[in-house]
N, C-alpha and C. Protein backbone atom coordinates (compact mmCIF):
# COMPACT_ATOMS: atom_id res chain seq x y z
N MET A 1 49.97 -7.86 6.15
CA MET A 1 50.42 -8.66 7.94
C MET A 1 51.01 -10.00 7.66
N LEU A 2 51.54 -10.18 8.04
CA LEU A 2 52.27 -11.51 8.11
C LEU A 2 51.46 -12.52 9.15
N GLU A 3 51.41 -13.73 8.44
CA GLU A 3 50.63 -14.39 8.77
C GLU A 3 51.43 -15.73 9.65
N SER A 4 52.58 -16.32 8.71
CA SER A 4 53.11 -17.57 9.18
C SER A 4 54.00 -17.34 8.33
N LEU A 5 55.05 -18.36 8.86
CA LEU A 5 56.40 -18.58 8.07
C LEU A 5 56.42 -19.99 7.09
N ASP A 6 56.26 -19.83 6.38
CA ASP A 6 55.95 -20.85 4.99
C ASP A 6 57.23 -22.06 5.01
N HIS A 7 58.03 -21.43 4.88
CA HIS A 7 59.35 -22.24 4.73
C HIS A 7 60.78 -21.52 4.70
N VAL A 8 61.56 -22.70 5.24
CA VAL A 8 62.60 -22.13 4.68
C VAL A 8 63.66 -22.65 4.12
N GLN A 9 64.78 -21.58 3.52
CA GLN A 9 65.15 -22.31 1.92
C GLN A 9 66.58 -22.28 2.86
N LEU A 10 67.19 -23.69 2.67
CA LEU A 10 68.81 -23.35 2.76
C LEU A 10 69.59 -23.76 1.46
N ALA A 11 70.75 -23.88 1.26
CA ALA A 11 71.38 -23.70 0.32
C ALA A 11 72.18 -25.06 -0.12
N ALA A 12 72.56 -25.76 -1.11
CA ALA A 12 73.31 -27.27 -1.23
C ALA A 12 74.11 -26.75 -2.38
N PRO A 13 74.97 -28.15 -2.39
CA PRO A 13 75.83 -27.67 -4.09
C PRO A 13 75.14 -28.88 -4.88
N ALA A 14 75.54 -28.52 -6.16
CA ALA A 14 74.59 -29.23 -7.44
C ALA A 14 75.02 -30.70 -6.70
N GLY A 15 74.29 -31.40 -7.24
CA GLY A 15 74.32 -33.17 -7.43
C GLY A 15 74.42 -33.91 -5.74
N SER A 16 74.25 -32.79 -4.77
CA SER A 16 73.89 -33.33 -3.43
C SER A 16 72.62 -33.88 -2.83
N GLU A 17 71.41 -33.94 -4.03
CA GLU A 17 70.32 -34.40 -3.50
C GLU A 17 69.97 -35.67 -2.98
N GLU A 18 70.61 -36.68 -3.29
CA GLU A 18 70.85 -38.11 -2.49
C GLU A 18 70.91 -38.20 -1.28
N GLU A 19 72.10 -37.58 -1.12
CA GLU A 19 72.81 -37.31 0.45
C GLU A 19 71.70 -36.13 1.34
N LEU A 20 71.11 -35.42 0.84
CA LEU A 20 70.17 -34.62 1.30
C LEU A 20 68.87 -35.69 1.71
N ARG A 21 68.51 -36.56 0.85
CA ARG A 21 67.62 -37.14 1.32
C ARG A 21 67.54 -38.49 2.15
N ALA A 22 68.96 -38.65 2.09
CA ALA A 22 69.08 -39.99 3.05
C ALA A 22 68.90 -38.89 4.84
N PHE A 23 69.51 -37.64 4.67
CA PHE A 23 69.73 -37.22 5.93
C PHE A 23 68.40 -36.53 6.22
N TYR A 24 67.79 -36.25 5.60
CA TYR A 24 66.51 -35.32 5.98
C TYR A 24 65.28 -35.90 6.08
N ALA A 25 64.80 -37.23 5.44
CA ALA A 25 64.45 -38.33 5.08
C ALA A 25 64.50 -39.23 6.31
N GLY A 26 66.36 -39.78 6.19
CA GLY A 26 65.97 -41.02 6.48
C GLY A 26 66.44 -41.14 8.11
N VAL A 27 67.37 -39.80 8.34
CA VAL A 27 68.08 -39.49 9.97
C VAL A 27 66.72 -38.45 10.51
N LEU A 28 66.51 -37.26 9.80
CA LEU A 28 65.27 -36.90 10.61
C LEU A 28 63.78 -36.84 10.50
N GLY A 29 63.35 -37.89 9.31
CA GLY A 29 62.10 -38.49 9.54
C GLY A 29 61.17 -37.62 8.48
N MET A 30 61.81 -36.58 8.21
CA MET A 30 60.93 -35.68 7.31
C MET A 30 60.67 -36.25 5.84
N THR A 31 59.19 -35.87 5.55
CA THR A 31 58.78 -36.66 4.13
C THR A 31 58.98 -35.70 3.06
N GLU A 32 59.85 -35.72 1.74
CA GLU A 32 60.07 -35.17 0.54
C GLU A 32 58.84 -34.73 0.02
N GLU A 33 58.86 -33.31 -0.30
CA GLU A 33 57.34 -32.88 -0.99
C GLU A 33 57.99 -32.91 -2.93
N PRO A 34 56.99 -33.35 -3.08
CA PRO A 34 57.57 -32.89 -4.71
C PRO A 34 57.46 -31.47 -5.12
N LYS A 35 58.43 -31.03 -5.92
CA LYS A 35 58.58 -29.63 -6.24
C LYS A 35 57.49 -29.65 -7.69
N PRO A 36 57.29 -28.28 -8.14
CA PRO A 36 56.40 -28.29 -9.34
C PRO A 36 57.79 -28.54 -10.44
N PRO A 37 57.46 -28.87 -11.71
CA PRO A 37 58.19 -29.56 -12.60
C PRO A 37 59.40 -28.17 -12.70
N VAL A 38 58.53 -27.08 -12.96
CA VAL A 38 59.65 -26.18 -13.44
C VAL A 38 61.18 -25.68 -12.17
N LEU A 39 60.37 -25.77 -11.26
CA LEU A 39 61.47 -25.94 -10.17
C LEU A 39 62.34 -27.13 -10.19
N ALA A 40 61.74 -28.29 -10.07
CA ALA A 40 62.50 -29.50 -9.84
C ALA A 40 63.52 -29.30 -11.03
N ALA A 41 63.65 -28.76 -12.17
CA ALA A 41 64.33 -28.78 -13.30
C ALA A 41 66.21 -27.66 -12.52
N ARG A 42 65.69 -27.28 -11.48
CA ARG A 42 67.09 -26.71 -10.99
C ARG A 42 67.70 -27.33 -10.02
N GLY A 43 67.19 -28.41 -9.77
CA GLY A 43 67.57 -29.19 -8.81
C GLY A 43 67.11 -29.06 -7.04
N GLY A 44 67.76 -29.69 -6.51
CA GLY A 44 67.58 -29.29 -4.98
C GLY A 44 66.14 -30.17 -4.45
N CYS A 45 65.87 -29.94 -3.04
CA CYS A 45 64.84 -31.14 -2.88
C CYS A 45 64.12 -30.32 -1.36
N TRP A 46 62.93 -30.81 -1.33
CA TRP A 46 61.94 -30.08 -0.13
C TRP A 46 61.56 -31.51 0.31
N PHE A 47 61.22 -31.02 2.08
CA PHE A 47 61.18 -31.50 2.74
C PHE A 47 59.90 -30.91 4.07
N ALA A 48 59.19 -31.92 4.52
CA ALA A 48 58.33 -31.13 5.80
C ALA A 48 58.13 -32.42 6.76
N ALA A 49 57.56 -31.92 7.82
CA ALA A 49 57.16 -32.56 9.16
C ALA A 49 56.80 -31.88 10.02
N GLY A 50 55.30 -32.13 10.35
CA GLY A 50 54.70 -31.13 11.10
C GLY A 50 54.34 -30.00 10.42
N GLY A 51 54.72 -29.12 11.08
CA GLY A 51 54.59 -27.58 10.47
C GLY A 51 55.75 -27.02 10.06
N VAL A 52 56.59 -27.94 10.24
CA VAL A 52 58.24 -27.17 9.21
C VAL A 52 58.32 -28.09 8.02
N ARG A 53 58.68 -26.75 7.11
CA ARG A 53 58.97 -27.26 5.88
C ARG A 53 60.18 -26.58 5.68
N LEU A 54 61.38 -27.46 4.92
CA LEU A 54 62.52 -26.70 4.86
C LEU A 54 62.84 -26.76 3.00
N HIS A 55 63.01 -25.85 2.32
CA HIS A 55 63.02 -25.98 1.02
C HIS A 55 65.11 -25.93 0.78
N LEU A 56 65.50 -26.92 0.32
CA LEU A 56 67.42 -26.81 -0.03
C LEU A 56 67.17 -27.00 -1.49
N GLY A 57 67.95 -25.47 -2.09
CA GLY A 57 68.08 -25.48 -3.65
C GLY A 57 69.67 -25.09 -3.70
N VAL A 58 70.06 -25.67 -4.94
CA VAL A 58 71.08 -25.52 -5.40
C VAL A 58 71.74 -24.08 -5.54
N GLU A 59 72.82 -23.91 -5.20
CA GLU A 59 73.49 -22.96 -5.27
C GLU A 59 74.77 -22.97 -5.93
N GLU A 60 75.34 -22.17 -6.84
CA GLU A 60 76.67 -22.24 -7.55
C GLU A 60 77.56 -21.80 -6.73
N ASP A 61 78.81 -22.45 -6.48
CA ASP A 61 79.76 -21.32 -5.36
C ASP A 61 79.17 -21.81 -4.26
N PHE A 62 78.39 -22.94 -4.17
CA PHE A 62 78.17 -23.38 -2.46
C PHE A 62 78.78 -23.07 -1.40
N ARG A 63 78.81 -22.31 -0.07
CA ARG A 63 79.40 -22.22 1.02
C ARG A 63 78.41 -22.05 2.13
N PRO A 64 78.48 -23.37 2.87
CA PRO A 64 77.21 -23.22 3.91
C PRO A 64 77.83 -21.93 5.01
N ALA A 65 76.66 -21.50 5.75
CA ALA A 65 76.53 -20.12 6.29
C ALA A 65 77.10 -20.36 7.43
N GLY A 66 78.10 -19.88 8.46
CA GLY A 66 78.54 -20.38 9.64
C GLY A 66 77.54 -19.83 11.13
N LYS A 67 76.84 -18.89 10.67
CA LYS A 67 75.96 -18.59 11.83
C LYS A 67 74.39 -18.55 11.33
N ALA A 68 73.75 -18.63 10.49
CA ALA A 68 72.61 -18.69 9.85
C ALA A 68 72.22 -19.83 9.96
N HIS A 69 71.11 -20.57 10.59
CA HIS A 69 70.70 -21.65 10.75
C HIS A 69 69.19 -21.59 11.16
N PRO A 70 68.37 -22.73 10.81
CA PRO A 70 66.51 -22.60 11.36
C PRO A 70 67.14 -23.43 12.58
N GLY A 71 65.90 -23.06 13.22
CA GLY A 71 65.68 -23.46 14.65
C GLY A 71 64.31 -24.23 14.75
N LEU A 72 65.00 -25.96 14.86
CA LEU A 72 64.11 -27.07 14.79
C LEU A 72 63.53 -27.36 16.23
N ARG A 73 62.12 -27.09 16.61
CA ARG A 73 61.85 -27.83 17.95
C ARG A 73 61.31 -29.19 17.68
N VAL A 74 61.79 -29.89 18.64
CA VAL A 74 61.83 -31.28 18.91
C VAL A 74 60.85 -31.40 19.80
N ARG A 75 60.67 -32.97 19.96
CA ARG A 75 60.10 -33.93 21.18
C ARG A 75 61.11 -34.73 21.31
N ASP A 76 61.61 -34.90 22.60
CA ASP A 76 62.59 -36.31 22.97
C ASP A 76 63.87 -35.98 22.36
N ILE A 77 64.60 -34.41 22.74
CA ILE A 77 66.27 -34.12 22.36
C ILE A 77 67.02 -35.03 22.23
N GLU A 78 67.08 -36.09 23.44
CA GLU A 78 67.81 -36.68 23.37
C GLU A 78 68.23 -37.87 22.29
N ALA A 79 67.11 -38.40 22.24
CA ALA A 79 66.92 -39.46 20.95
C ALA A 79 67.50 -38.89 19.79
N TYR A 80 66.77 -37.33 19.56
CA TYR A 80 67.55 -36.66 17.79
C TYR A 80 69.22 -36.76 17.97
N ALA A 81 69.68 -36.08 19.53
CA ALA A 81 70.68 -36.01 19.51
C ALA A 81 71.87 -37.68 19.22
N ALA A 82 70.84 -38.69 19.75
CA ALA A 82 71.78 -39.79 19.76
C ALA A 82 71.42 -40.59 17.85
N ARG A 83 70.85 -40.15 17.45
CA ARG A 83 70.25 -40.40 16.14
C ARG A 83 71.66 -39.99 15.18
N LEU A 84 71.70 -38.43 15.66
CA LEU A 84 72.69 -37.99 14.57
C LEU A 84 73.81 -38.30 15.00
N ALA A 85 74.15 -38.41 16.22
CA ALA A 85 75.65 -38.62 16.82
C ALA A 85 75.57 -40.25 16.18
N ALA A 86 74.90 -41.04 16.23
CA ALA A 86 75.07 -42.65 15.72
C ALA A 86 75.50 -42.67 14.25
N ARG A 87 75.05 -41.54 13.50
CA ARG A 87 75.53 -41.72 12.11
C ARG A 87 76.35 -40.74 11.52
N GLY A 88 77.27 -40.33 12.84
CA GLY A 88 78.39 -39.54 12.47
C GLY A 88 78.36 -38.13 12.57
N ALA A 89 77.25 -37.68 12.63
CA ALA A 89 77.04 -35.93 12.59
C ALA A 89 77.66 -35.93 13.96
N GLU A 90 78.49 -34.45 14.40
CA GLU A 90 78.89 -33.88 15.53
C GLU A 90 77.70 -33.38 16.01
N VAL A 91 77.03 -33.43 17.36
CA VAL A 91 76.27 -32.79 18.04
C VAL A 91 76.89 -31.76 19.48
N THR A 92 76.92 -30.41 19.27
CA THR A 92 77.19 -29.88 20.09
C THR A 92 76.28 -28.99 20.72
N TRP A 93 76.39 -29.56 22.24
CA TRP A 93 74.85 -28.96 23.03
C TRP A 93 75.44 -27.64 23.14
N ASP A 94 74.52 -27.06 23.92
CA ASP A 94 74.48 -25.25 24.05
C ASP A 94 73.08 -25.38 25.74
N GLU A 95 73.82 -24.93 26.57
CA GLU A 95 72.98 -24.72 27.79
C GLU A 95 72.51 -23.43 28.01
N ASN A 96 72.87 -22.19 27.15
CA ASN A 96 72.71 -20.72 27.30
C ASN A 96 71.48 -20.33 27.15
N LEU A 97 70.27 -21.30 26.65
CA LEU A 97 68.99 -20.68 26.43
C LEU A 97 68.16 -20.88 27.71
N PRO A 98 67.68 -19.90 28.60
CA PRO A 98 67.25 -20.37 29.60
C PRO A 98 65.61 -21.17 29.27
N GLY A 99 65.27 -22.19 29.78
CA GLY A 99 63.80 -22.90 29.85
C GLY A 99 63.68 -23.64 28.52
N HIS A 100 65.28 -24.09 27.63
CA HIS A 100 65.28 -25.14 26.49
C HIS A 100 66.66 -25.95 26.86
N ARG A 101 66.23 -27.30 26.41
CA ARG A 101 67.06 -27.94 25.83
C ARG A 101 67.81 -27.54 24.39
N ARG A 102 68.88 -27.69 24.10
CA ARG A 102 69.18 -27.25 22.57
C ARG A 102 70.74 -28.01 22.11
N PHE A 103 71.08 -28.29 20.76
CA PHE A 103 72.21 -28.71 20.32
C PHE A 103 72.22 -28.12 18.96
N SER A 104 73.38 -28.00 18.19
CA SER A 104 73.75 -27.55 16.63
C SER A 104 74.20 -28.93 16.34
N SER A 105 74.06 -29.06 15.41
CA SER A 105 74.49 -30.30 14.24
C SER A 105 74.92 -29.69 13.09
N GLN A 106 75.25 -30.35 11.91
CA GLN A 106 75.11 -30.26 10.41
C GLN A 106 74.61 -31.25 9.69
N ASP A 107 73.90 -30.40 8.68
CA ASP A 107 73.29 -31.41 7.53
C ASP A 107 74.70 -32.13 7.04
N PRO A 108 74.61 -33.01 5.66
CA PRO A 108 76.07 -33.52 5.24
C PRO A 108 76.20 -32.54 3.98
N VAL A 109 75.73 -31.34 4.29
CA VAL A 109 76.81 -30.64 3.28
C VAL A 109 77.09 -29.20 3.64
N GLY A 110 77.05 -29.36 4.99
CA GLY A 110 77.18 -28.23 6.09
C GLY A 110 76.75 -27.22 6.66
N ASN A 111 75.64 -27.34 6.38
CA ASN A 111 74.61 -26.35 6.58
C ASN A 111 73.99 -26.41 8.48
N ARG A 112 74.25 -25.60 9.20
CA ARG A 112 73.71 -25.78 10.71
C ARG A 112 72.75 -25.53 10.74
N LEU A 113 72.28 -26.65 11.64
CA LEU A 113 71.03 -26.58 11.93
C LEU A 113 71.28 -26.94 13.44
N GLU A 114 69.77 -26.14 14.09
CA GLU A 114 69.74 -26.19 15.80
C GLU A 114 68.41 -26.84 16.07
N PHE A 115 68.57 -27.77 16.91
CA PHE A 115 67.26 -28.74 17.49
C PHE A 115 67.17 -28.16 18.81
N LEU A 116 66.21 -27.99 19.46
CA LEU A 116 65.40 -27.22 20.72
C LEU A 116 64.27 -27.74 20.95
N GLU A 117 64.22 -27.94 22.51
CA GLU A 117 62.80 -28.78 23.25
C GLU A 117 62.95 -27.91 24.35
N PRO A 118 61.45 -27.05 24.63
CA PRO A 118 61.28 -26.55 26.03
C PRO A 118 61.87 -27.82 27.22
N THR A 119 61.95 -26.98 28.37
CA THR A 119 61.91 -27.48 29.71
C THR A 119 60.71 -27.44 30.29
N ALA A 120 60.37 -28.39 30.99
CA ALA A 120 59.12 -28.37 31.91
C ALA A 120 59.40 -27.19 33.23
């Protein structure tokens, strides 16, 4: 029986780790988690914040998915949108999910990310 979601894996091109660290730790405020040495040799990096764990793994012939994405629940969604926009990321608001404010953006390698916050 399923108990919980352990992590979400996103793909990234080889050599993008520093750019990903700057975004996921610097912009989103996540903490980098150390990878076990055998997995670290493959490249990529892991991040966590609250109950969210994102793993970014190197993929040959990387192409970001057009539709697939993690949905990240946040507090103070306006601040997240402003933070991303201030760093040049596109922020696309979508008002089509009743009971939520949400927008989508992309990480530095093109992975789609959805940010959402329930409305009162």
